[in-house]
Amino acid sequence: MTIETLTILKASEGMMLTDGKEYGSIIHLGKGRNAEEFHEITQEEYDAIQKANMPEELKEEILPEELPVENEEAEDIIEETMEE
């Protein structure tokens, strides 16, 4: 008999989980993954990262103008997130 467990990580309210590559408010860890690989970022940081990585033509169609940061600020947030 083999017993396997599923680990589910859930971010705090208003936060997102990331390992620098994957993002989500709920993360299902697969075999060989470790919860320590993930940390929380704010929703604003997540929005900035998504906006910075989105092609320009899609930004105009999808993202609201009131997003709080510009590309330079988003790049700083991405760098800080990747260093953690």
Protein backbone atom coordinates (compact mmCIF):
# COMPACT_ATOMS: atom_id res chain seq x y z
CA MET A 1 0.00 0.00 0.00
CA THR A 2 1.18 3.51 -0.79
CA ILE A 3 -0.01 6.54 1.15
CA GLU A 4 0.43 9.92 -0.48
CA THR A 5 -0.67 13.25 0.86
CA LEU A 6 -1.66 16.41 -0.93
CA THR A 7 -0.43 19.70 0.47
CA ILE A 8 -2.50 22.79 -0.25
CA LEU A 9 -1.18 26.27 0.53
CA LYS A 10 -3.65 29.13 0.96
CA ALA A 11 -2.56 32.77 0.97
CA SER A 12 -3.72 35.20 3.63
CA GLU A 13 -6.54 37.55 2.69
CA GLY A 14 -5.37 40.14 0.13
CA MET A 15 -2.16 38.22 -0.55
CA MET A 16 -0.84 35.91 -3.28
CA LEU A 17 1.62 33.03 -3.02
CA THR A 18 4.63 32.76 -5.31
CA ASP A 19 7.85 30.91 -5.79
CA GLY A 20 8.96 33.48 -8.38
CA LYS A 21 7.51 31.46 -11.27
CA GLU A 22 4.05 30.35 -10.14
CA TYR A 23 1.43 32.62 -8.59
CA GLY A 24 -1.88 31.90 -6.92
CA SER A 25 -4.04 32.41 -3.87
CA ILE A 26 -4.21 28.61 -3.53
CA ILE A 27 -1.30 26.36 -4.49
CA HIS A 28 -1.51 22.57 -4.70
CA LEU A 29 1.97 21.21 -4.15
CA GLY A 30 2.95 18.36 -6.40
CA LYS A 31 5.29 15.54 -5.58
CA GLY A 32 8.75 16.85 -4.75
CA ARG A 33 7.53 20.42 -4.05
CA ASN A 34 8.07 22.08 -0.70
CA ALA A 35 5.98 24.75 1.05
CA GLU A 36 9.16 26.64 1.96
CA GLU A 37 9.62 27.44 -1.75
CA PHE A 38 6.64 29.81 -1.59
CA HIS A 39 6.14 33.18 0.07
CA GLU A 40 3.35 35.76 0.15
CA ILE A 41 3.26 38.98 -1.84
CA THR A 42 0.56 41.64 -1.81
CA GLN A 43 -2.12 41.80 -4.48
CA GLU A 44 -0.56 45.10 -5.62
CA GLU A 45 2.83 43.42 -6.11
CA TYR A 46 1.17 40.61 -8.06
CA ASP A 47 -0.71 43.12 -10.28
CA ALA A 48 2.54 45.00 -10.94
CA ILE A 49 4.36 41.81 -11.92
CA GLN A 50 1.55 40.77 -14.25
CA LYS A 51 1.39 44.22 -15.81
CA ALA A 52 5.16 44.32 -16.33
CA ASN A 53 5.13 40.94 -18.09
CA MET A 54 2.09 41.58 -20.27
CA PRO A 55 2.50 42.59 -23.94
CA GLU A 56 1.71 46.29 -24.49
CA GLU A 57 -1.24 45.63 -26.81
CA LEU A 58 -2.95 43.51 -24.15
CA LYS A 59 -2.39 46.05 -21.37
CA GLU A 60 -4.69 48.54 -23.08
CA GLU A 61 -7.42 45.95 -23.62
CA ILE A 62 -7.34 44.09 -20.31
CA LEU A 63 -5.85 46.13 -17.48
CA PRO A 64 -7.67 49.03 -15.85
CA GLU A 65 -5.85 52.36 -15.97
CA GLU A 66 -5.94 52.73 -12.20
CA LEU A 67 -3.36 50.02 -11.50
CA PRO A 68 -1.05 51.54 -8.91
CA VAL A 69 2.41 51.21 -10.45
CA GLU A 70 4.30 51.92 -13.62
CA ASN A 71 6.79 49.58 -15.27
CA GLU A 72 9.88 50.85 -13.41
CA GLU A 73 8.19 50.26 -10.06
CA ALA A 74 6.98 46.85 -11.22
CA GLU A 75 10.51 45.88 -12.23
CA ASP A 76 11.74 46.79 -8.73
CA ILE A 77 9.01 44.64 -7.19
CA ILE A 78 9.88 41.73 -9.49
CA GLU A 79 13.56 41.98 -8.56
CA GLU A 80 12.73 42.07 -4.82
CA THR A 81 10.38 39.09 -5.19
CA MET A 82 12.97 37.03 -7.04
CA GLU A 83 15.61 37.78 -4.37
CA GLU A 84 13.41 36.45 -1.53
